[in-house]
Amino acid sequence: MTREVHVIGAGLAGSEAAWQAAEAGACVILHEMRPHRMTQAHRTGLCAELVCSNSFRSDDWETNAVGLLHEEMRRAGSLIMRCADAHQVPAGGALAVDR
């Protein structure tokens, strides 16, 4: 029996949750207001749009909680982190991407 999973919002977290659930075999229904209703922060109607900043903050997993979360997400097979790593730009110790 295939499970049906409803995910509310296609931001970074919702997109990741929907992708992970689909990878696990769930039937995913993703509910997103855009492109029908836009906000001032968003520029597109696409899923997982990075808004406000291109920085994911520190990527130092040994001494920083945010960096540790990045590493845990990578080890869990995160689609968002794979995309961030593929589009990374120099930013010192931070994980920043080319939007």
N, C-alpha and C. Protein backbone atom coordinates (compact mmCIF):
# COMPACT_ATOMS: atom_id res chain seq x y z
N MET A 1 0.85 -1.18 0.00
CA MET A 1 0.00 0.00 0.00
C MET A 1 0.89 1.24 0.00
N THR A 2 0.65 2.15 -0.94
CA THR A 2 1.41 3.38 -1.02
C THR A 2 0.81 4.42 -0.08
N ARG A 3 1.66 5.04 0.70
CA ARG A 3 1.20 6.09 1.61
C ARG A 3 1.09 7.41 0.86
N GLU A 4 0.07 8.17 1.22
CA GLU A 4 -0.10 9.50 0.66
C GLU A 4 0.40 10.51 1.69
N VAL A 5 1.31 11.37 1.27
CA VAL A 5 1.88 12.38 2.15
C VAL A 5 1.58 13.76 1.57
N HIS A 6 0.98 14.62 2.39
CA HIS A 6 0.72 16.00 1.98
C HIS A 6 1.80 16.88 2.59
N VAL A 7 2.47 17.67 1.77
CA VAL A 7 3.49 18.61 2.24
C VAL A 7 2.97 20.01 1.95
N ILE A 8 2.97 20.84 2.99
CA ILE A 8 2.47 22.21 2.85
C ILE A 8 3.65 23.15 2.66
N GLY A 9 3.74 23.76 1.50
CA GLY A 9 4.80 24.71 1.21
C GLY A 9 5.97 24.08 0.49
N ALA A 10 6.41 24.72 -0.59
CA ALA A 10 7.50 24.21 -1.42
C ALA A 10 8.75 25.07 -1.28
N GLY A 11 8.98 25.59 -0.07
CA GLY A 11 10.24 26.27 0.21
C GLY A 11 11.35 25.24 0.33
N LEU A 12 12.46 25.61 0.93
CA LEU A 12 13.57 24.68 1.06
C LEU A 12 13.18 23.43 1.85
N ALA A 13 12.56 23.62 3.01
CA ALA A 13 12.20 22.47 3.86
C ALA A 13 11.10 21.62 3.22
N GLY A 14 10.07 22.27 2.70
CA GLY A 14 8.98 21.52 2.08
C GLY A 14 9.42 20.76 0.85
N SER A 15 10.27 21.36 0.04
CA SER A 15 10.78 20.69 -1.15
C SER A 15 11.63 19.49 -0.77
N GLU A 16 12.47 19.66 0.23
CA GLU A 16 13.30 18.55 0.71
C GLU A 16 12.42 17.43 1.27
N ALA A 17 11.42 17.79 2.08
CA ALA A 17 10.53 16.79 2.67
C ALA A 17 9.77 16.02 1.59
N ALA A 18 9.27 16.74 0.59
CA ALA A 18 8.54 16.09 -0.50
C ALA A 18 9.44 15.14 -1.27
N TRP A 19 10.66 15.57 -1.56
CA TRP A 19 11.59 14.74 -2.31
C TRP A 19 11.97 13.49 -1.52
N GLN A 20 12.28 13.66 -0.23
CA GLN A 20 12.66 12.52 0.60
C GLN A 20 11.51 11.52 0.71
N ALA A 21 10.29 12.02 0.89
CA ALA A 21 9.13 11.13 0.99
C ALA A 21 8.90 10.37 -0.31
N ALA A 22 9.05 11.07 -1.44
CA ALA A 22 8.89 10.42 -2.74
C ALA A 22 9.96 9.36 -2.96
N GLU A 23 11.19 9.68 -2.57
CA GLU A 23 12.29 8.71 -2.68
C GLU A 23 12.02 7.46 -1.84
N ALA A 24 11.30 7.63 -0.73
CA ALA A 24 10.96 6.51 0.15
C ALA A 24 9.73 5.75 -0.34
N GLY A 25 9.15 6.19 -1.45
CA GLY A 25 8.04 5.47 -2.05
C GLY A 25 6.66 6.03 -1.77
N ALA A 26 6.58 7.16 -1.09
CA ALA A 26 5.27 7.75 -0.79
C ALA A 26 4.71 8.47 -2.02
N CYS A 27 3.41 8.54 -2.07
CA CYS A 27 2.72 9.36 -3.06
C CYS A 27 2.62 10.76 -2.45
N VAL A 28 3.33 11.71 -3.01
CA VAL A 28 3.43 13.05 -2.41
C VAL A 28 2.52 14.03 -3.11
N ILE A 29 1.78 14.78 -2.31
CA ILE A 29 0.98 15.89 -2.81
C ILE A 29 1.56 17.14 -2.18
N LEU A 30 2.13 17.99 -3.00
CA LEU A 30 2.80 19.21 -2.55
C LEU A 30 1.87 20.40 -2.76
N HIS A 31 1.55 21.08 -1.67
CA HIS A 31 0.66 22.24 -1.72
C HIS A 31 1.50 23.51 -1.66
N GLU A 32 1.40 24.35 -2.66
CA GLU A 32 2.19 25.58 -2.72
C GLU A 32 1.33 26.70 -3.29
N MET A 33 1.40 27.87 -2.68
CA MET A 33 0.58 29.00 -3.13
C MET A 33 1.12 29.65 -4.40
N ARG A 34 2.43 29.59 -4.60
CA ARG A 34 2.99 30.20 -5.79
C ARG A 34 2.89 29.22 -6.96
N PRO A 35 2.74 29.64 -8.17
CA PRO A 35 2.83 31.01 -8.66
C PRO A 35 1.51 31.78 -8.61
N HIS A 36 0.45 31.16 -8.09
CA HIS A 36 -0.86 31.84 -8.07
C HIS A 36 -0.87 33.04 -7.13
N ARG A 37 -0.15 32.94 -6.04
CA ARG A 37 -0.03 34.06 -5.10
C ARG A 37 1.46 34.27 -4.83
N MET A 38 1.96 35.43 -5.19
CA MET A 38 3.38 35.73 -5.02
C MET A 38 3.59 36.57 -3.75
N THR A 39 4.83 36.64 -3.31
CA THR A 39 5.19 37.49 -2.17
C THR A 39 6.28 38.45 -2.62
N GLN A 40 6.57 39.45 -1.80
CA GLN A 40 7.64 40.40 -2.14
C GLN A 40 9.01 39.75 -2.07
N ALA A 41 9.14 38.70 -1.29
CA ALA A 41 10.45 38.04 -1.13
C ALA A 41 10.79 37.14 -2.31
N HIS A 42 9.80 36.60 -2.98
CA HIS A 42 10.04 35.65 -4.07
C HIS A 42 10.12 36.35 -5.42
N ARG A 43 10.97 35.81 -6.29
CA ARG A 43 11.12 36.35 -7.63
C ARG A 43 10.53 35.42 -8.69
N THR A 44 10.33 34.15 -8.32
CA THR A 44 9.80 33.17 -9.27
C THR A 44 8.67 32.39 -8.61
N GLY A 45 8.03 31.56 -9.39
CA GLY A 45 7.02 30.66 -8.87
C GLY A 45 7.55 29.26 -8.67
N LEU A 46 8.86 29.12 -8.69
CA LEU A 46 9.49 27.80 -8.61
C LEU A 46 9.64 27.31 -7.17
N CYS A 47 9.76 26.01 -7.03
CA CYS A 47 9.97 25.39 -5.72
C CYS A 47 11.40 25.63 -5.22
N ALA A 48 11.56 25.62 -3.90
CA ALA A 48 12.87 25.72 -3.24
C ALA A 48 13.64 26.98 -3.62
N GLU A 49 12.93 28.06 -3.85
CA GLU A 49 13.60 29.31 -4.19
C GLU A 49 14.31 29.87 -2.96
N LEU A 50 15.57 30.20 -3.11
CA LEU A 50 16.34 30.79 -2.03
C LEU A 50 16.04 32.29 -2.00
N VAL A 51 15.49 32.76 -0.88
CA VAL A 51 15.11 34.17 -0.77
C VAL A 51 15.97 34.87 0.27
N CYS A 52 16.06 36.18 0.13
CA CYS A 52 16.72 37.08 1.08
C CYS A 52 18.24 37.02 1.06
N SER A 53 18.84 35.85 1.03
CA SER A 53 20.30 35.74 1.10
C SER A 53 20.75 34.53 0.31
N ASN A 54 21.98 34.57 -0.15
CA ASN A 54 22.53 33.41 -0.84
C ASN A 54 23.37 32.56 0.10
N SER A 55 23.35 32.87 1.40
CA SER A 55 24.19 32.17 2.36
C SER A 55 23.40 31.17 3.20
N PHE A 56 23.96 30.00 3.34
CA PHE A 56 23.43 28.99 4.25
C PHE A 56 24.19 29.03 5.58
N ARG A 57 24.92 30.10 5.80
CA ARG A 57 25.72 30.33 7.01
C ARG A 57 26.90 29.36 7.09
N SER A 58 27.45 29.17 8.27
CA SER A 58 28.69 28.41 8.43
C SER A 58 28.56 26.97 7.92
N ASP A 59 29.62 26.49 7.29
CA ASP A 59 29.66 25.11 6.82
C ASP A 59 30.66 24.29 7.63
N ASP A 60 31.12 24.82 8.76
CA ASP A 60 32.09 24.14 9.62
C ASP A 60 31.37 23.16 10.54
N TRP A 61 31.37 21.90 10.18
CA TRP A 61 30.61 20.91 10.93
C TRP A 61 31.26 20.51 12.25
N GLU A 62 32.54 20.83 12.43
CA GLU A 62 33.22 20.43 13.66
C GLU A 62 33.00 21.39 14.81
N THR A 63 32.73 22.67 14.52
CA THR A 63 32.61 23.65 15.60
C THR A 63 31.35 24.50 15.54
N ASN A 64 30.46 24.23 14.59
CA ASN A 64 29.28 25.08 14.43
C ASN A 64 28.04 24.22 14.23
N ALA A 65 26.97 24.53 14.96
CA ALA A 65 25.74 23.73 14.89
C ALA A 65 25.12 23.76 13.50
N VAL A 66 25.15 24.91 12.84
CA VAL A 66 24.59 25.01 11.49
C VAL A 66 25.40 24.14 10.53
N GLY A 67 26.72 24.21 10.64
CA GLY A 67 27.57 23.38 9.80
C GLY A 67 27.34 21.89 10.06
N LEU A 68 27.10 21.53 11.32
CA LEU A 68 26.80 20.14 11.65
C LEU A 68 25.49 19.69 11.00
N LEU A 69 24.49 20.57 11.01
CA LEU A 69 23.23 20.25 10.34
C LEU A 69 23.45 20.04 8.85
N HIS A 70 24.28 20.88 8.23
CA HIS A 70 24.61 20.69 6.80
C HIS A 70 25.17 19.30 6.58
N GLU A 71 26.14 18.91 7.41
CA GLU A 71 26.79 17.60 7.26
C GLU A 71 25.78 16.46 7.46
N GLU A 72 24.92 16.59 8.45
CA GLU A 72 23.90 15.56 8.68
C GLU A 72 22.96 15.45 7.48
N MET A 73 22.60 16.60 6.90
CA MET A 73 21.73 16.58 5.72
C MET A 73 22.43 15.92 4.54
N ARG A 74 23.71 16.20 4.36
CA ARG A 74 24.47 15.56 3.28
C ARG A 74 24.48 14.05 3.47
N ARG A 75 24.74 13.60 4.68
CA ARG A 75 24.81 12.16 4.96
C ARG A 75 23.45 11.49 4.79
N ALA A 76 22.38 12.26 4.94
CA ALA A 76 21.03 11.72 4.75
C ALA A 76 20.60 11.77 3.28
N GLY A 77 21.48 12.25 2.40
CA GLY A 77 21.17 12.30 0.97
C GLY A 77 20.34 13.48 0.54
N SER A 78 20.50 14.62 1.21
CA SER A 78 19.70 15.81 0.94
C SER A 78 19.86 16.33 -0.48
N LEU A 79 18.73 16.49 -1.16
CA LEU A 79 18.72 17.09 -2.49
C LEU A 79 19.12 18.56 -2.41
N ILE A 80 18.62 19.28 -1.40
CA ILE A 80 18.94 20.70 -1.24
C ILE A 80 20.44 20.89 -1.05
N MET A 81 21.06 20.07 -0.20
CA MET A 81 22.50 20.21 0.03
C MET A 81 23.31 19.82 -1.21
N ARG A 82 22.85 18.82 -1.94
CA ARG A 82 23.54 18.44 -3.17
C ARG A 82 23.53 19.60 -4.17
N CYS A 83 22.39 20.28 -4.28
CA CYS A 83 22.29 21.44 -5.18
C CYS A 83 23.14 22.60 -4.67
N ALA A 84 23.12 22.84 -3.35
CA ALA A 84 23.93 23.92 -2.77
C ALA A 84 25.41 23.66 -3.01
N ASP A 85 25.85 22.43 -2.80
CA ASP A 85 27.26 22.10 -3.02
C ASP A 85 27.65 22.26 -4.49
N ALA A 86 26.75 21.93 -5.39
CA ALA A 86 27.04 22.02 -6.82
C ALA A 86 27.13 23.47 -7.30
N HIS A 87 26.50 24.40 -6.57
CA HIS A 87 26.47 25.80 -6.98
C HIS A 87 27.14 26.72 -5.97
N GLN A 88 28.05 26.16 -5.20
CA GLN A 88 28.75 26.92 -4.15
C GLN A 88 29.68 27.96 -4.76
N VAL A 89 29.74 29.12 -4.10
CA VAL A 89 30.67 30.19 -4.48
C VAL A 89 31.55 30.50 -3.27
N PRO A 90 32.76 31.03 -3.50
CA PRO A 90 33.65 31.35 -2.37
C PRO A 90 32.99 32.32 -1.39
N ALA A 91 33.05 31.97 -0.09
CA ALA A 91 32.45 32.82 0.95
C ALA A 91 33.11 32.57 2.30
N GLY A 92 34.43 32.37 2.29
CA GLY A 92 35.11 32.09 3.55
C GLY A 92 34.65 30.75 4.09
N GLY A 93 34.24 30.73 5.36
CA GLY A 93 33.79 29.49 5.98
C GLY A 93 32.30 29.23 5.82
N ALA A 94 31.62 30.11 5.09
CA ALA A 94 30.17 29.95 4.91
C ALA A 94 29.88 29.13 3.66
N LEU A 95 28.71 28.55 3.64
CA LEU A 95 28.21 27.90 2.43
C LEU A 95 27.31 28.91 1.74
N ALA A 96 27.80 29.47 0.64
CA ALA A 96 27.04 30.44 -0.14
C ALA A 96 26.89 29.87 -1.55
N VAL A 97 25.80 30.22 -2.19
CA VAL A 97 25.52 29.68 -3.52
C VAL A 97 25.27 30.80 -4.52
N ASP A 98 25.45 30.46 -5.78
CA ASP A 98 25.13 31.38 -6.87
C ASP A 98 23.65 31.20 -7.18
N ARG A 99 22.84 32.19 -6.82
CA ARG A 99 21.40 32.07 -7.05
C ARG A 99 21.09 32.34 -8.50
